[in-house]
N, C-alpha and C. Protein backbone atom coordinates (compact mmCIF):
# COMPACT_ATOMS: atom_id res chain seq x y z
N MET A 1 -5.48 -235.05 123.43
CA MET A 1 -4.41 -236.00 123.19
C MET A 1 -4.76 -237.37 123.80
N LEU A 2 -5.23 -237.34 125.04
CA LEU A 2 -5.58 -238.59 125.70
C LEU A 2 -6.76 -239.27 125.02
N ASP A 3 -7.69 -238.45 124.49
CA ASP A 3 -8.84 -239.01 123.77
C ASP A 3 -8.41 -239.78 122.52
N THR A 4 -7.46 -239.22 121.77
CA THR A 4 -7.03 -239.89 120.54
C THR A 4 -6.29 -241.18 120.86
N ILE A 5 -5.50 -241.18 121.94
CA ILE A 5 -4.81 -242.41 122.34
C ILE A 5 -5.82 -243.46 122.76
N ARG A 6 -6.83 -243.06 123.53
CA ARG A 6 -7.85 -243.99 123.98
C ARG A 6 -8.64 -244.53 122.79
N HIS A 7 -8.94 -243.65 121.81
CA HIS A 7 -9.70 -244.06 120.63
C HIS A 7 -8.90 -245.09 119.82
N LYS A 8 -7.58 -244.87 119.67
CA LYS A 8 -6.75 -245.82 118.93
C LYS A 8 -6.68 -247.16 119.66
N ALA A 9 -6.61 -247.12 120.98
CA ALA A 9 -6.58 -248.37 121.74
C ALA A 9 -7.88 -249.14 121.57
N CYS A 10 -9.00 -248.43 121.51
CA CYS A 10 -10.29 -249.09 121.31
C CYS A 10 -10.36 -249.73 119.94
N ASP A 11 -9.88 -249.04 118.91
CA ASP A 11 -9.87 -249.62 117.58
C ASP A 11 -8.99 -250.86 117.53
N GLN A 12 -7.84 -250.82 118.19
CA GLN A 12 -6.95 -251.95 118.18
C GLN A 12 -7.55 -253.13 118.93
N ALA A 13 -8.30 -252.86 119.99
CA ALA A 13 -8.93 -253.95 120.74
C ALA A 13 -9.95 -254.67 119.88
N ILE A 14 -10.74 -253.92 119.14
CA ILE A 14 -11.76 -254.54 118.29
C ILE A 14 -11.10 -255.32 117.15
N PHE A 15 -10.03 -254.77 116.55
CA PHE A 15 -9.32 -255.50 115.51
C PHE A 15 -8.71 -256.78 116.05
N CYS A 16 -8.20 -256.74 117.26
CA CYS A 16 -7.62 -257.92 117.89
C CYS A 16 -8.69 -259.01 118.05
N VAL A 17 -9.87 -258.64 118.49
CA VAL A 17 -10.95 -259.60 118.66
C VAL A 17 -11.39 -260.16 117.31
N VAL A 18 -11.51 -259.31 116.31
CA VAL A 18 -11.95 -259.76 114.98
C VAL A 18 -10.94 -260.74 114.38
N ILE A 19 -9.66 -260.42 114.47
CA ILE A 19 -8.64 -261.31 113.92
C ILE A 19 -8.63 -262.64 114.65
N ALA A 20 -8.73 -262.59 115.97
CA ALA A 20 -8.73 -263.84 116.75
C ALA A 20 -9.98 -264.67 116.49
N ALA A 21 -11.10 -264.04 116.15
CA ALA A 21 -12.32 -264.77 115.87
C ALA A 21 -12.34 -265.35 114.46
N VAL A 22 -11.71 -264.67 113.52
CA VAL A 22 -11.74 -265.10 112.12
C VAL A 22 -10.76 -266.23 111.84
N CYS A 23 -9.60 -266.21 112.47
CA CYS A 23 -8.53 -267.18 112.16
C CYS A 23 -8.95 -268.63 112.31
N PRO A 24 -9.61 -269.06 113.39
CA PRO A 24 -9.91 -270.49 113.51
C PRO A 24 -10.85 -271.04 112.45
N SER A 25 -11.74 -270.24 111.93
CA SER A 25 -12.72 -270.75 110.98
C SER A 25 -12.34 -270.51 109.52
N THR A 26 -11.24 -269.84 109.27
CA THR A 26 -10.86 -269.51 107.90
C THR A 26 -10.58 -270.76 107.07
N GLY A 27 -9.84 -271.70 107.61
CA GLY A 27 -9.51 -272.91 106.85
C GLY A 27 -10.74 -273.73 106.51
N PHE A 28 -11.67 -273.83 107.47
CA PHE A 28 -12.90 -274.58 107.23
C PHE A 28 -13.73 -273.94 106.12
N VAL A 29 -13.84 -272.62 106.16
CA VAL A 29 -14.62 -271.91 105.14
C VAL A 29 -13.94 -272.04 103.78
N MET A 30 -12.62 -271.95 103.75
CA MET A 30 -11.91 -272.11 102.48
C MET A 30 -12.12 -273.51 101.90
N ALA A 31 -12.10 -274.51 102.76
CA ALA A 31 -12.32 -275.89 102.29
C ALA A 31 -13.73 -276.05 101.72
N LEU A 32 -14.72 -275.45 102.38
CA LEU A 32 -16.09 -275.52 101.86
C LEU A 32 -16.21 -274.83 100.51
N PHE A 33 -15.62 -273.64 100.39
CA PHE A 33 -15.71 -272.92 99.12
C PHE A 33 -14.92 -273.63 98.02
N LEU A 34 -13.80 -274.26 98.37
CA LEU A 34 -13.06 -275.02 97.36
C LEU A 34 -13.88 -276.20 96.87
N ALA A 35 -14.56 -276.87 97.80
CA ALA A 35 -15.43 -277.98 97.39
C ALA A 35 -16.57 -277.46 96.52
N GLY A 36 -17.10 -276.30 96.85
CA GLY A 36 -18.17 -275.71 96.04
C GLY A 36 -17.68 -275.32 94.65
N LEU A 37 -16.47 -274.78 94.57
CA LEU A 37 -15.92 -274.41 93.26
C LEU A 37 -15.65 -275.63 92.40
N ARG A 38 -15.25 -276.72 93.02
CA ARG A 38 -15.02 -277.94 92.25
C ARG A 38 -16.33 -278.56 91.77
N GLY A 39 -17.42 -278.19 92.40
CA GLY A 39 -18.72 -278.71 92.00
C GLY A 39 -19.35 -277.94 90.85
N VAL A 40 -18.77 -276.80 90.47
CA VAL A 40 -19.30 -276.02 89.35
C VAL A 40 -18.97 -276.75 88.05
N ASP A 41 -19.96 -276.90 87.20
CA ASP A 41 -19.80 -277.64 85.95
C ASP A 41 -18.89 -276.86 85.00
N SER A 42 -17.77 -277.45 84.65
CA SER A 42 -16.80 -276.77 83.79
C SER A 42 -17.30 -276.64 82.35
N GLU A 43 -18.20 -277.54 81.93
CA GLU A 43 -18.74 -277.46 80.57
C GLU A 43 -19.58 -276.19 80.39
N ILE A 44 -20.32 -275.83 81.43
CA ILE A 44 -21.13 -274.61 81.35
C ILE A 44 -20.23 -273.38 81.28
N VAL A 45 -19.15 -273.38 82.06
CA VAL A 45 -18.21 -272.26 82.05
C VAL A 45 -17.54 -272.16 80.68
N LYS A 46 -17.13 -273.29 80.10
CA LYS A 46 -16.52 -273.26 78.77
C LYS A 46 -17.50 -272.79 77.71
N ALA A 47 -18.75 -273.20 77.83
CA ALA A 47 -19.77 -272.75 76.87
C ALA A 47 -19.99 -271.24 76.99
N ALA A 48 -19.96 -270.72 78.19
CA ALA A 48 -20.12 -269.28 78.37
C ALA A 48 -18.92 -268.53 77.79
N GLN A 49 -17.72 -269.08 77.95
CA GLN A 49 -16.54 -268.44 77.37
C GLN A 49 -16.61 -268.45 75.85
N VAL A 50 -17.10 -269.54 75.26
CA VAL A 50 -17.23 -269.62 73.81
C VAL A 50 -18.25 -268.59 73.32
N ASN A 51 -19.30 -268.38 74.10
CA ASN A 51 -20.32 -267.40 73.72
C ASN A 51 -19.87 -265.97 73.96
N GLY A 52 -18.67 -265.77 74.52
CA GLY A 52 -18.13 -264.42 74.67
C GLY A 52 -18.39 -263.78 76.02
N ALA A 53 -18.74 -264.54 77.02
CA ALA A 53 -18.98 -263.97 78.34
C ALA A 53 -17.64 -263.62 78.99
N THR A 54 -17.60 -262.49 79.66
CA THR A 54 -16.39 -262.08 80.36
C THR A 54 -16.29 -262.84 81.69
N ARG A 55 -15.11 -262.81 82.29
CA ARG A 55 -14.90 -263.53 83.54
C ARG A 55 -15.82 -263.03 84.66
N PRO A 56 -16.01 -261.69 84.84
CA PRO A 56 -16.95 -261.26 85.87
C PRO A 56 -18.38 -261.72 85.61
N THR A 57 -18.78 -261.77 84.36
CA THR A 57 -20.12 -262.24 84.01
C THR A 57 -20.26 -263.73 84.32
N ILE A 58 -19.22 -264.50 84.03
CA ILE A 58 -19.26 -265.93 84.34
C ILE A 58 -19.42 -266.15 85.84
N TYR A 59 -18.66 -265.40 86.62
CA TYR A 59 -18.78 -265.56 88.07
C TYR A 59 -20.15 -265.11 88.57
N ARG A 60 -20.64 -263.98 88.04
CA ARG A 60 -21.92 -263.45 88.52
C ARG A 60 -23.10 -264.32 88.09
N LYS A 61 -23.05 -264.87 86.90
CA LYS A 61 -24.21 -265.60 86.38
C LYS A 61 -24.13 -267.12 86.55
N ILE A 62 -22.92 -267.67 86.69
CA ILE A 62 -22.80 -269.13 86.74
C ILE A 62 -22.23 -269.61 88.07
N VAL A 63 -21.06 -269.10 88.44
CA VAL A 63 -20.34 -269.65 89.58
C VAL A 63 -21.04 -269.33 90.90
N ILE A 64 -21.37 -268.09 91.13
CA ILE A 64 -22.01 -267.70 92.41
C ILE A 64 -23.37 -268.36 92.58
N PRO A 65 -24.24 -268.39 91.57
CA PRO A 65 -25.49 -269.13 91.77
C PRO A 65 -25.28 -270.63 92.00
N SER A 66 -24.23 -271.21 91.42
CA SER A 66 -23.96 -272.63 91.65
C SER A 66 -23.48 -272.88 93.08
N MET A 67 -22.89 -271.88 93.70
CA MET A 67 -22.35 -272.03 95.04
C MET A 67 -23.31 -271.51 96.12
N ARG A 68 -24.55 -271.31 95.77
CA ARG A 68 -25.54 -270.78 96.71
C ARG A 68 -25.70 -271.67 97.94
N LEU A 69 -25.72 -272.97 97.75
CA LEU A 69 -25.86 -273.89 98.88
C LEU A 69 -24.65 -273.85 99.80
N VAL A 70 -23.46 -273.71 99.22
CA VAL A 70 -22.25 -273.63 100.04
C VAL A 70 -22.26 -272.34 100.85
N LEU A 71 -22.64 -271.25 100.22
CA LEU A 71 -22.71 -269.97 100.94
C LEU A 71 -23.74 -270.03 102.06
N PHE A 72 -24.87 -270.65 101.81
CA PHE A 72 -25.88 -270.80 102.84
C PHE A 72 -25.37 -271.66 103.99
N SER A 73 -24.65 -272.71 103.67
CA SER A 73 -24.09 -273.58 104.71
C SER A 73 -23.07 -272.84 105.56
N VAL A 74 -22.22 -272.05 104.92
CA VAL A 74 -21.23 -271.28 105.67
C VAL A 74 -21.91 -270.29 106.59
N LEU A 75 -22.93 -269.60 106.10
CA LEU A 75 -23.66 -268.65 106.95
C LEU A 75 -24.35 -269.37 108.11
N LEU A 76 -24.90 -270.52 107.81
CA LEU A 76 -25.60 -271.28 108.84
C LEU A 76 -24.66 -271.76 109.94
N ILE A 77 -23.44 -272.07 109.59
CA ILE A 77 -22.47 -272.54 110.57
C ILE A 77 -21.82 -271.38 111.32
N LEU A 78 -21.50 -270.29 110.62
CA LEU A 78 -20.74 -269.22 111.24
C LEU A 78 -21.56 -268.24 112.07
N CYS A 79 -22.83 -268.09 111.78
CA CYS A 79 -23.63 -267.11 112.52
C CYS A 79 -23.75 -267.46 114.00
N PRO A 80 -24.06 -268.68 114.38
CA PRO A 80 -24.06 -268.98 115.82
C PRO A 80 -22.69 -268.85 116.47
N ILE A 81 -21.63 -269.11 115.71
CA ILE A 81 -20.29 -268.97 116.26
C ILE A 81 -20.00 -267.50 116.57
N THR A 82 -20.47 -266.59 115.73
CA THR A 82 -20.22 -265.17 115.99
C THR A 82 -20.98 -264.69 117.21
N ILE A 83 -22.11 -265.29 117.49
CA ILE A 83 -22.86 -264.87 118.67
C ILE A 83 -22.18 -265.38 119.94
N LYS A 84 -21.47 -266.51 119.84
CA LYS A 84 -20.83 -267.09 121.00
C LYS A 84 -19.41 -266.57 121.24
N THR A 85 -19.11 -265.35 120.88
CA THR A 85 -17.77 -264.80 121.06
C THR A 85 -17.56 -264.20 122.44
N LEU A 86 -18.42 -264.52 123.38
CA LEU A 86 -18.32 -263.98 124.72
C LEU A 86 -16.98 -264.31 125.36
N GLY A 87 -16.59 -265.55 125.34
CA GLY A 87 -15.34 -265.95 125.97
C GLY A 87 -14.14 -265.30 125.34
N LEU A 88 -14.15 -265.14 124.03
CA LEU A 88 -13.03 -264.54 123.33
C LEU A 88 -12.86 -263.07 123.72
N VAL A 89 -13.95 -262.33 123.76
CA VAL A 89 -13.89 -260.91 124.11
C VAL A 89 -13.45 -260.74 125.56
N ILE A 90 -13.98 -261.56 126.44
CA ILE A 90 -13.60 -261.44 127.85
C ILE A 90 -12.13 -261.82 128.04
N ALA A 91 -11.66 -262.84 127.34
CA ALA A 91 -10.27 -263.26 127.48
C ALA A 91 -9.29 -262.24 126.89
N LEU A 92 -9.67 -261.61 125.79
CA LEU A 92 -8.73 -260.70 125.13
C LEU A 92 -8.79 -259.28 125.67
N THR A 93 -9.97 -258.77 125.91
CA THR A 93 -10.09 -257.35 126.27
C THR A 93 -10.72 -257.11 127.63
N ALA A 94 -11.24 -258.13 128.27
CA ALA A 94 -11.95 -258.00 129.56
C ALA A 94 -13.06 -256.96 129.44
N ASN A 95 -13.74 -256.97 128.28
CA ASN A 95 -14.83 -256.05 127.98
C ASN A 95 -14.37 -254.60 128.05
N GLY A 96 -13.17 -254.36 127.69
CA GLY A 96 -12.65 -252.99 127.74
C GLY A 96 -12.03 -252.65 126.41
N PRO A 97 -11.45 -251.53 126.26
CA PRO A 97 -11.46 -250.36 127.12
C PRO A 97 -12.84 -249.71 127.15
N GLY A 98 -13.30 -249.44 128.31
CA GLY A 98 -14.65 -248.92 128.47
C GLY A 98 -15.65 -250.00 128.12
N THR A 99 -16.63 -249.65 127.33
CA THR A 99 -17.61 -250.63 126.86
C THR A 99 -17.59 -250.73 125.33
N LEU A 100 -16.48 -250.34 124.73
CA LEU A 100 -16.43 -250.30 123.26
C LEU A 100 -16.29 -251.67 122.62
N SER A 101 -15.86 -252.67 123.37
CA SER A 101 -15.83 -254.02 122.80
C SER A 101 -16.96 -254.87 123.36
N SER A 102 -18.01 -254.22 123.81
CA SER A 102 -19.14 -254.93 124.39
C SER A 102 -20.00 -255.55 123.30
N LEU A 103 -20.54 -256.73 123.60
CA LEU A 103 -21.38 -257.48 122.67
C LEU A 103 -22.69 -257.82 123.36
N PRO A 104 -23.71 -258.23 122.60
CA PRO A 104 -24.96 -258.64 123.24
C PRO A 104 -24.78 -259.79 124.23
N ALA A 105 -23.87 -260.71 123.94
CA ALA A 105 -23.65 -261.82 124.87
C ALA A 105 -23.03 -261.33 126.18
N ILE A 106 -22.19 -260.31 126.11
CA ILE A 106 -21.61 -259.73 127.33
C ILE A 106 -22.69 -259.02 128.13
N PHE A 107 -23.60 -258.35 127.44
CA PHE A 107 -24.74 -257.72 128.12
C PHE A 107 -25.54 -258.77 128.88
N MET A 108 -25.83 -259.88 128.21
CA MET A 108 -26.58 -260.97 128.84
C MET A 108 -25.82 -261.54 130.03
N TYR A 109 -24.54 -261.79 129.88
CA TYR A 109 -23.74 -262.34 130.96
C TYR A 109 -23.66 -261.38 132.15
N THR A 110 -23.46 -260.11 131.89
CA THR A 110 -23.35 -259.12 132.96
C THR A 110 -24.64 -259.03 133.76
N PHE A 111 -25.76 -258.92 133.06
CA PHE A 111 -27.02 -258.80 133.78
C PHE A 111 -27.39 -260.08 134.51
N SER A 112 -27.07 -261.23 133.93
CA SER A 112 -27.45 -262.49 134.57
C SER A 112 -26.59 -262.82 135.77
N PHE A 113 -25.29 -262.75 135.62
CA PHE A 113 -24.41 -263.30 136.64
C PHE A 113 -23.72 -262.26 137.50
N ASN A 114 -23.43 -261.08 136.96
CA ASN A 114 -22.79 -260.06 137.79
C ASN A 114 -23.80 -259.25 138.57
N ARG A 115 -24.91 -258.91 137.95
CA ARG A 115 -25.93 -258.09 138.62
C ARG A 115 -27.05 -258.90 139.23
N GLY A 116 -27.16 -260.17 138.88
CA GLY A 116 -28.18 -261.02 139.44
C GLY A 116 -29.58 -260.79 138.89
N GLN A 117 -29.70 -260.11 137.76
CA GLN A 117 -31.00 -259.85 137.14
C GLN A 117 -31.20 -260.90 136.04
N PHE A 118 -31.66 -262.07 136.47
CA PHE A 118 -31.79 -263.18 135.54
C PHE A 118 -32.89 -262.94 134.50
N GLY A 119 -33.90 -262.19 134.85
CA GLY A 119 -34.96 -261.89 133.88
C GLY A 119 -34.45 -261.07 132.72
N MET A 120 -33.64 -260.05 133.02
CA MET A 120 -33.07 -259.22 131.95
C MET A 120 -32.09 -260.03 131.11
N GLY A 121 -31.31 -260.91 131.74
CA GLY A 121 -30.39 -261.76 130.99
C GLY A 121 -31.13 -262.73 130.09
N ALA A 122 -32.22 -263.31 130.61
CA ALA A 122 -33.01 -264.25 129.80
C ALA A 122 -33.69 -263.52 128.65
N ALA A 123 -34.17 -262.31 128.92
CA ALA A 123 -34.82 -261.54 127.84
C ALA A 123 -33.82 -261.16 126.76
N SER A 124 -32.61 -260.79 127.15
CA SER A 124 -31.61 -260.44 126.13
C SER A 124 -31.18 -261.67 125.34
N SER A 125 -31.11 -262.84 126.00
CA SER A 125 -30.76 -264.05 125.24
C SER A 125 -31.88 -264.43 124.27
N MET A 126 -33.12 -264.21 124.66
CA MET A 126 -34.23 -264.49 123.75
C MET A 126 -34.22 -263.52 122.56
N MET A 127 -33.80 -262.28 122.80
CA MET A 127 -33.69 -261.32 121.69
C MET A 127 -32.57 -261.73 120.73
N MET A 128 -31.48 -262.26 121.27
CA MET A 128 -30.41 -262.75 120.40
C MET A 128 -30.91 -263.93 119.56
N LEU A 129 -31.67 -264.82 120.19
CA LEU A 129 -32.24 -265.95 119.46
C LEU A 129 -33.22 -265.48 118.39
N ALA A 130 -34.04 -264.49 118.73
CA ALA A 130 -35.00 -263.95 117.76
C ALA A 130 -34.29 -263.30 116.59
N THR A 131 -33.15 -262.66 116.85
CA THR A 131 -32.38 -262.05 115.77
C THR A 131 -31.84 -263.12 114.82
N VAL A 132 -31.30 -264.19 115.38
CA VAL A 132 -30.79 -265.28 114.54
C VAL A 132 -31.92 -265.90 113.72
N ILE A 133 -33.06 -266.11 114.35
CA ILE A 133 -34.20 -266.69 113.63
C ILE A 133 -34.70 -265.74 112.55
N ALA A 134 -34.72 -264.43 112.85
CA ALA A 134 -35.18 -263.46 111.86
C ALA A 134 -34.26 -263.39 110.65
N VAL A 135 -32.99 -263.68 110.86
CA VAL A 135 -32.06 -263.68 109.73
C VAL A 135 -32.16 -264.97 108.93
N PHE A 136 -32.28 -266.11 109.63
CA PHE A 136 -32.20 -267.38 108.93
C PHE A 136 -33.52 -267.89 108.38
N MET A 137 -34.63 -267.52 108.92
CA MET A 137 -35.90 -268.02 108.39
C MET A 137 -36.14 -267.56 106.95
N PRO A 138 -35.95 -266.28 106.62
CA PRO A 138 -36.11 -265.92 105.19
C PRO A 138 -35.11 -266.63 104.29
N LEU A 139 -33.86 -266.79 104.75
CA LEU A 139 -32.88 -267.52 103.94
C LEU A 139 -33.29 -268.98 103.75
N LEU A 140 -33.75 -269.59 104.82
CA LEU A 140 -34.19 -270.98 104.74
C LEU A 140 -35.40 -271.12 103.83
N TYR A 141 -36.33 -270.17 103.90
CA TYR A 141 -37.51 -270.19 103.04
C TYR A 141 -37.11 -270.03 101.56
N LEU A 142 -36.23 -269.06 101.30
CA LEU A 142 -35.78 -268.86 99.91
C LEU A 142 -35.05 -270.09 99.38
N GLU A 143 -34.25 -270.72 100.23
CA GLU A 143 -33.53 -271.90 99.80
C GLU A 143 -34.46 -273.07 99.53
N SER A 144 -35.47 -273.23 100.36
CA SER A 144 -36.40 -274.35 100.15
C SER A 144 -37.28 -274.14 98.93
N THR A 145 -37.70 -272.90 98.68
CA THR A 145 -38.52 -272.65 97.49
C THR A 145 -37.69 -272.77 96.22
N SER A 146 -36.43 -272.36 96.24
CA SER A 146 -35.61 -272.50 95.04
C SER A 146 -35.27 -273.96 94.77
N THR A 147 -35.15 -274.78 95.83
CA THR A 147 -34.89 -276.20 95.65
C THR A 147 -36.13 -276.89 95.06
N ARG A 148 -37.31 -276.49 95.53
CA ARG A 148 -38.55 -277.08 94.99
C ARG A 148 -38.75 -276.69 93.52
N ASN A 149 -38.44 -275.44 93.19
CA ASN A 149 -38.61 -274.98 91.81
C ASN A 149 -37.62 -275.65 90.87
N ALA A 150 -36.42 -275.98 91.37
CA ALA A 150 -35.42 -276.62 90.52
C ALA A 150 -35.74 -278.08 90.28
N ALA A 151 -36.47 -278.71 91.21
CA ALA A 151 -36.74 -280.14 91.07
C ALA A 151 -37.89 -280.43 90.13
């Protein structure tokens, strides 16, 4: 019985952190996507409708590829923000209950400042940086090659 109550509390803590992290950036992301949608050429969409394309096909073949730069920009802006959620997690859950709301940034902070093991904290921060680079370098490469091919 106590295990199920503890498990529900852990789920609620993580949902609380996710909701609090998503709310501030939602308006900005919506504004970017609205600007991207307004940049889609309406003549191409009308031509696809005349040719008999369904709405899902229009979105899959025309709208989403046209918004590739907007999606890349949103990912580029939001990924570092998600890594910097240390303050939010500590303020909302105090890294509890247990270690279920623990993040890599909390691991780095704990080892660096609470335990005094600055080498382990620096190594974990470098691993977080390497993860961000490993995610964004292929995306950046694909974006640069597609821009060169389009020009």
